[in-house]
Amino acid sequence: MNKPVSSPRSVGQFTIKAVAQATGLTVETLRAWERRYEVVTPSRDGSGRRTYSAADVARLRLLRTATELGHTISRLAHLGEDDLAKLVADSGGQARPGPTRGQSYVERAIDAAEHSDPSGVEEVLTSAVALLPPNEVVNTILVPLLREVGERWHRGEVSIAQEHMVTDIVRRLIISVSRGYLRSDNGPCLVLATLSGERHELGILMCSWLAATRRFRTHYLGVDCPPLEIARFALEVEARAVLVSLVMPENEVPALSQLSQLAEELRGRCEVWVGGFAARMLSAEELPAGCVLLPTGGDFEQRLDLLAAQFYS
């Protein structure tokens, strides 16, 4: 099982500190598991430091979940990835993110931003994407990062240039990783857009990524789209749902009237999902028939899973 020595800059190789953050295991536990049970066999860089592959990280996360479910590491060490995954699934377990690892990525990204270091911000976020599940990246890193940077800008601790730098890096990263997921020709179709006058797109881009990871055929139409055009496109591609993101308040972007137009044009052929920060200011009773209020990211993911279950049943 010996692996070739890798350069410190080899693609897909991670330090023991990064692996500890990604798996929730301590460095000491990682070393003990390797020494006593040989659960993984890390490579060594030119300086003799351990480096781990993405496959090593995935295996270690499974091992951690299995031990949390009550299995001993001595019993688990000899199992392959398929057997480990089956054991976890049969036990009804799921990976539980560590309480602080997302915050660590956020802090490092903010530190790089405050030093006007775009390469540093990109390196932190790229590492997170490589090591963590997409929903964890979105919910514990990207959303908190953007919120914190915005708050620091309002307090004068981050310049508008630095805030724009972080926003642009996050946008490009989401678009890039979304393209890495193969679209299922037979999967349910989801159309995503913002209404006329609404130009905030980071939230809906994240939603498009999360949907793509669930084998949805996603069509992102961009920002500032007239509702009639959204409806026309959705009907042409036989969408199962249309997601509209609201960030600006109703008195700045007349969302309710546009949602009425959208729902009327769709004629009940598919649902209209309404999410985003400003969606929290609305009540379900205000929305036109056929619209579903999804005020949180968790609500959106639950709706995705419900639609997928209905589609594949």
Protein backbone atom coordinates (compact mmCIF):
# COMPACT_ATOMS: atom_id res chain seq x y z
CA MET A 1 0.00 0.00 0.00
CA ASN A 2 3.02 2.29 -0.10
CA LYS A 3 2.35 5.40 -2.15
CA PRO A 4 4.87 7.36 -4.16
CA VAL A 5 6.37 10.41 -2.52
CA SER A 6 4.47 13.48 -3.70
CA SER A 7 5.54 17.05 -4.12
CA PRO A 8 4.10 19.45 -1.53
CA ARG A 9 2.20 21.10 -4.37
CA SER A 10 0.72 17.89 -5.83
CA VAL A 11 -2.94 18.19 -6.74
CA GLY A 12 -5.24 16.47 -4.28
CA GLN A 13 -2.66 16.20 -1.47
CA PHE A 14 -3.51 17.62 1.95
CA THR A 15 -1.57 18.22 5.15
CA ILE A 16 -2.43 16.44 8.38
CA LYS A 17 -3.75 19.74 9.77
CA ALA A 18 -6.13 20.15 6.82
CA VAL A 19 -7.30 16.55 7.16
CA ALA A 20 -7.96 17.06 10.87
CA GLN A 21 -10.13 20.08 10.06
CA ALA A 22 -11.97 18.21 7.33
CA THR A 23 -12.68 15.04 9.31
CA GLY A 24 -13.16 16.41 12.83
CA LEU A 25 -10.44 14.06 14.10
CA THR A 26 -7.55 15.42 16.10
CA VAL A 27 -4.01 15.22 14.75
CA GLU A 28 -3.16 12.93 17.65
CA THR A 29 -6.01 10.56 16.79
CA LEU A 30 -4.98 10.48 13.13
CA ARG A 31 -1.41 9.56 14.03
CA ALA A 32 -2.56 6.91 16.54
CA TRP A 33 -4.93 5.29 14.04
CA GLU A 34 -2.19 5.17 11.42
CA ARG A 35 0.41 3.80 13.79
CA ARG A 36 -1.73 1.18 15.50
CA TYR A 37 -4.21 0.18 12.82
CA GLU A 38 -2.80 1.44 9.48
CA VAL A 39 -6.22 2.79 8.53
CA VAL A 40 -4.58 4.87 5.76
CA THR A 41 -1.04 5.10 4.44
CA PRO A 42 -0.16 8.74 3.80
CA SER A 43 2.50 9.80 1.36
CA ARG A 44 5.48 11.96 2.32
CA ASP A 45 6.50 15.22 0.73
CA GLY A 46 10.05 16.29 0.04
CA SER A 47 10.44 17.41 3.66
CA GLY A 48 9.12 14.14 5.06
CA ARG A 49 5.73 15.55 6.12
CA ARG A 50 2.58 13.44 5.77
CA THR A 51 0.32 14.21 2.81
CA TYR A 52 -3.11 12.70 2.28
CA SER A 53 -5.23 12.12 -0.81
CA ALA A 54 -8.92 12.94 -1.21
CA ALA A 55 -9.60 9.20 -0.98
CA ASP A 56 -7.79 9.10 2.38
CA VAL A 57 -9.97 11.96 3.63
CA ALA A 58 -13.17 10.22 2.51
CA ARG A 59 -12.12 7.00 4.26
CA LEU A 60 -11.23 8.80 7.48
CA ARG A 61 -14.58 10.59 7.53
CA LEU A 62 -16.35 7.23 7.22
CA LEU A 63 -14.23 5.81 10.02
CA ARG A 64 -15.03 8.74 12.29
CA THR A 65 -18.77 8.40 11.63
CA ALA A 66 -18.65 4.66 12.26
CA THR A 67 -16.82 5.10 15.59
CA GLU A 68 -19.39 7.70 16.67
CA LEU A 69 -22.05 5.10 15.98
CA GLY A 70 -20.43 2.79 18.53
CA HIS A 71 -18.09 0.62 16.43
CA THR A 72 -14.50 0.15 17.57
CA ILE A 73 -11.66 1.32 15.37
CA SER A 74 -9.92 -2.04 15.77
CA ARG A 75 -12.92 -3.72 14.13
CA LEU A 76 -13.25 -1.08 11.42
CA ALA A 77 -9.61 -0.76 10.37
CA HIS A 78 -9.56 -3.73 7.99
CA LEU A 79 -12.82 -2.80 6.21
CA GLY A 80 -12.79 -1.31 2.72
CA GLU A 81 -14.67 1.85 1.77
CA ASP A 82 -17.72 0.00 0.42
CA ASP A 83 -18.09 -2.07 3.59
CA LEU A 84 -17.62 1.01 5.76
CA ALA A 85 -20.26 2.95 3.83
CA LYS A 86 -22.69 0.04 4.10
CA LEU A 87 -22.04 -0.29 7.82
CA VAL A 88 -22.75 3.41 8.36
CA ALA A 89 -25.88 3.29 6.20
CA ASP A 90 -27.20 0.17 7.94
CA SER A 91 -26.66 1.85 11.29
CA GLY A 92 -28.73 4.84 10.18
CA GLY A 93 -25.76 7.13 10.61
CA GLN A 94 -24.61 10.13 8.67
CA ALA A 95 -21.51 12.28 8.72
CA ARG A 96 -21.71 14.88 11.45
CA PRO A 97 -19.63 17.96 10.82
CA GLY A 98 -17.30 19.14 13.52
CA PRO A 99 -18.61 22.21 15.33
CA THR A 100 -15.66 24.47 14.53
CA ARG A 101 -14.04 23.35 11.29
CA GLY A 102 -16.20 25.60 9.10
CA GLN A 103 -15.36 28.56 11.30
CA SER A 104 -11.67 27.83 10.87
CA TYR A 105 -11.98 28.16 7.08
CA VAL A 106 -13.98 31.38 7.48
CA GLU A 107 -11.37 32.91 9.77
CA ARG A 108 -8.52 32.03 7.42
CA ALA A 109 -10.36 33.42 4.41
CA ILE A 110 -11.15 36.67 6.22
CA ASP A 111 -7.55 37.01 7.33
CA ALA A 112 -6.43 36.66 3.70
CA ALA A 113 -9.06 39.19 2.59
CA GLU A 114 -7.95 41.73 5.18
CA HIS A 115 -4.41 41.40 3.80
CA SER A 116 -5.73 41.89 0.23
CA ASP A 117 -4.55 38.40 -0.68
CA PRO A 118 -6.91 36.95 -3.31
CA SER A 119 -4.72 33.87 -3.80
CA GLY A 120 -4.98 33.16 -0.09
CA VAL A 121 -8.78 33.46 -0.09
CA GLU A 122 -9.03 31.22 -3.14
CA GLU A 123 -6.67 28.62 -1.66
CA VAL A 124 -8.72 28.38 1.55
CA LEU A 125 -12.03 28.01 -0.28
CA THR A 126 -10.67 25.58 -2.87
CA SER A 127 -9.35 23.41 -0.06
CA ALA A 128 -12.77 23.46 1.61
CA VAL A 129 -14.49 22.40 -1.62
CA ALA A 130 -12.03 19.53 -2.05
CA LEU A 131 -12.35 18.27 1.51
CA LEU A 132 -15.94 18.88 2.60
CA PRO A 133 -19.44 18.02 1.30
CA PRO A 134 -21.03 20.78 -0.79
CA ASN A 135 -23.87 21.52 1.65
CA GLU A 136 -21.35 21.93 4.45
CA VAL A 137 -19.22 24.27 2.34
CA VAL A 138 -22.29 26.37 1.57
CA ASN A 139 -23.86 26.43 5.04
CA THR A 140 -20.82 26.62 7.32
CA ILE A 141 -18.28 28.45 5.15
CA LEU A 142 -19.56 30.45 2.17
CA VAL A 143 -22.71 31.90 3.74
CA PRO A 144 -21.01 32.82 7.06
CA LEU A 145 -17.99 34.20 5.17
CA LEU A 146 -20.07 36.52 2.99
CA ARG A 147 -22.12 37.64 5.99
CA GLU A 148 -19.04 38.36 8.09
CA VAL A 149 -17.25 40.22 5.29
CA GLY A 150 -20.36 42.34 4.74
CA GLU A 151 -20.62 43.17 8.44
CA ARG A 152 -16.94 44.09 8.61
CA TRP A 153 -17.36 46.35 5.59
CA HIS A 154 -20.22 48.15 7.34
CA ARG A 155 -17.99 48.59 10.39
CA GLY A 156 -15.14 49.93 8.26
CA GLU A 157 -12.86 46.97 9.00
CA VAL A 158 -12.86 45.73 5.39
CA SER A 159 -12.66 47.97 2.33
CA ILE A 160 -15.23 47.82 -0.43
CA ALA A 161 -12.48 46.57 -2.74
CA GLN A 162 -11.72 43.68 -0.39
CA GLU A 163 -15.43 42.88 -0.06
CA HIS A 164 -15.80 42.84 -3.85
CA MET A 165 -12.71 40.64 -4.13
CA VAL A 166 -14.19 37.99 -1.82
CA THR A 167 -17.57 38.14 -3.57
CA ASP A 168 -15.98 37.65 -6.99
CA ILE A 169 -13.86 34.72 -5.79
CA VAL A 170 -16.91 33.00 -4.28
CA ARG A 171 -18.94 33.55 -7.45
CA ARG A 172 -16.24 32.13 -9.74
CA LEU A 173 -15.65 29.18 -7.43
CA ILE A 174 -19.32 28.20 -7.30
CA ILE A 175 -19.67 28.38 -11.07
CA SER A 176 -16.50 26.32 -11.53
CA VAL A 177 -17.42 23.52 -9.12
CA SER A 178 -21.00 23.37 -10.40
CA ARG A 179 -19.71 22.52 -13.86
CA GLY A 180 -17.94 19.50 -12.39
CA TYR A 181 -21.23 17.69 -11.76
CA LEU A 182 -22.60 15.69 -14.64
CA ARG A 183 -26.20 16.55 -15.34
CA SER A 184 -28.55 13.62 -15.38
CA ASP A 185 -30.51 13.60 -18.64
CA ASN A 186 -33.35 11.91 -16.78
CA GLY A 187 -33.23 13.93 -13.57
CA PRO A 188 -35.85 16.45 -12.48
CA CYS A 189 -35.45 19.88 -14.06
CA LEU A 190 -35.04 23.03 -11.95
CA VAL A 191 -34.97 26.57 -13.36
CA LEU A 192 -33.32 29.27 -11.23
CA ALA A 193 -33.42 33.05 -11.67
CA THR A 194 -33.98 36.39 -9.97
CA LEU A 195 -36.85 38.71 -10.87
CA SER A 196 -36.63 42.04 -12.68
CA GLY A 197 -34.70 44.54 -10.56
CA GLU A 198 -33.03 41.88 -8.39
CA ARG A 199 -29.30 41.63 -9.08
CA HIS A 200 -28.04 39.59 -6.12
CA GLU A 201 -27.06 36.14 -7.36
CA LEU A 202 -24.66 34.43 -4.95
CA GLY A 203 -27.40 32.72 -2.98
CA ILE A 204 -29.14 31.32 -6.02
CA LEU A 205 -25.82 30.18 -7.49
CA MET A 206 -25.22 28.17 -4.33
CA CYS A 207 -28.69 26.66 -4.68
CA SER A 208 -27.91 25.69 -8.26
CA TRP A 209 -24.77 23.90 -7.08
CA LEU A 210 -26.62 22.02 -4.33
CA ALA A 211 -29.30 20.95 -6.80
CA ALA A 212 -26.68 19.74 -9.28
CA THR A 213 -25.14 17.53 -6.59
CA ARG A 214 -28.54 15.84 -6.27
CA ARG A 215 -28.66 14.99 -10.01
CA PHE A 216 -31.07 17.78 -10.91
CA ARG A 217 -30.92 19.25 -14.39
CA THR A 218 -30.33 22.87 -13.45
CA HIS A 219 -30.88 25.88 -15.69
CA TYR A 220 -29.64 29.15 -14.20
CA LEU A 221 -31.05 32.11 -16.14
CA GLY A 222 -29.13 34.80 -14.27
CA VAL A 223 -30.33 37.97 -12.59
CA ASP A 224 -32.91 40.60 -13.49
CA CYS A 225 -35.20 38.29 -15.49
CA PRO A 226 -38.76 39.29 -16.44
CA PRO A 227 -41.25 36.79 -14.97
CA LEU A 228 -42.86 36.05 -18.34
CA GLU A 229 -39.47 35.06 -19.78
CA ILE A 230 -38.76 32.81 -16.80
CA ALA A 231 -42.12 31.11 -17.25
CA ARG A 232 -41.68 30.67 -20.99
CA PHE A 233 -38.29 29.00 -20.51
CA ALA A 234 -39.53 26.79 -17.66
CA LEU A 235 -42.40 25.50 -19.79
CA GLU A 236 -40.10 24.82 -22.73
CA VAL A 237 -37.74 22.65 -20.66
CA GLU A 238 -40.60 21.03 -18.70
CA ALA A 239 -39.26 22.19 -15.36
CA ARG A 240 -40.60 20.58 -12.20
CA ALA A 241 -39.96 23.78 -10.23
CA VAL A 242 -38.73 27.35 -10.61
CA LEU A 243 -36.61 28.84 -7.83
CA VAL A 244 -36.72 32.62 -7.44
CA SER A 245 -34.34 34.35 -5.06
CA LEU A 246 -35.44 37.52 -3.26
CA VAL A 247 -32.85 39.66 -1.51
CA MET A 248 -34.09 43.23 -1.96
CA PRO A 249 -37.18 44.21 0.08
CA GLU A 250 -40.60 44.51 -1.57
CA ASN A 251 -40.52 48.32 -1.61
CA GLU A 252 -37.40 48.22 -3.82
CA VAL A 253 -38.22 45.22 -6.03
CA PRO A 254 -41.97 44.57 -6.47
CA ALA A 255 -41.67 40.83 -6.04
CA LEU A 256 -45.27 39.91 -5.22
CA SER A 257 -46.70 41.33 -8.44
CA GLN A 258 -43.99 39.60 -10.47
CA LEU A 259 -44.59 36.31 -8.67
CA SER A 260 -48.28 36.61 -9.56
CA GLN A 261 -47.35 37.04 -13.22
CA LEU A 262 -44.96 34.09 -13.06
CA ALA A 263 -47.47 31.77 -11.38
CA GLU A 264 -50.25 32.79 -13.75
CA GLU A 265 -48.10 32.16 -16.82
CA LEU A 266 -46.99 28.74 -15.54
CA ARG A 267 -50.65 27.74 -15.15
CA GLY A 268 -49.90 25.23 -12.40
CA ARG A 269 -47.50 23.25 -14.60
CA CYS A 270 -44.73 23.51 -12.00
CA GLU A 271 -44.17 24.95 -8.55
CA VAL A 272 -42.58 28.32 -7.87
CA TRP A 273 -40.14 28.20 -4.97
CA VAL A 274 -39.43 31.52 -3.27
CA GLY A 275 -36.21 31.78 -1.27
CA GLY A 276 -33.56 34.31 -0.30
CA PHE A 277 -33.06 36.79 2.54
CA ALA A 278 -36.12 38.90 1.70
CA ALA A 279 -38.31 35.80 1.55
CA ARG A 280 -38.12 35.74 5.35
CA MET A 281 -40.08 39.01 5.38
CA LEU A 282 -43.01 37.40 3.58
CA SER A 283 -45.71 35.07 4.82
CA ALA A 284 -47.02 32.09 2.91
CA GLU A 285 -50.49 33.70 2.85
CA GLU A 286 -49.14 36.63 0.79
CA LEU A 287 -47.87 34.43 -2.00
CA PRO A 288 -49.90 33.60 -5.09
CA ALA A 289 -51.27 30.07 -5.51
CA GLY A 290 -48.61 27.69 -6.72
CA CYS A 291 -45.79 29.43 -4.82
CA VAL A 292 -43.93 27.74 -1.97
CA LEU A 293 -42.05 29.83 0.61
CA LEU A 294 -38.55 28.51 1.41
CA PRO A 295 -37.05 31.07 3.80
CA THR A 296 -33.94 29.04 4.77
CA GLY A 297 -31.35 26.93 3.02
CA GLY A 298 -32.57 23.93 4.97
CA ASP A 299 -36.08 24.45 3.63
CA PHE A 300 -34.69 24.51 0.09
CA GLU A 301 -32.70 21.30 0.55
CA GLN A 302 -35.70 19.52 2.06
CA ARG A 303 -37.84 20.59 -0.89
CA LEU A 304 -35.18 19.33 -3.30
CA ASP A 305 -35.12 15.95 -1.60
CA LEU A 306 -38.93 15.77 -1.59
CA LEU A 307 -39.15 16.54 -5.30
CA ALA A 308 -36.40 14.04 -6.10
CA ALA A 309 -38.16 11.33 -4.10
CA GLN A 310 -41.41 12.03 -5.94
CA PHE A 311 -39.67 12.07 -9.31
CA TYR A 312 -37.82 8.79 -8.86
CA SER A 313 -40.64 6.90 -7.10
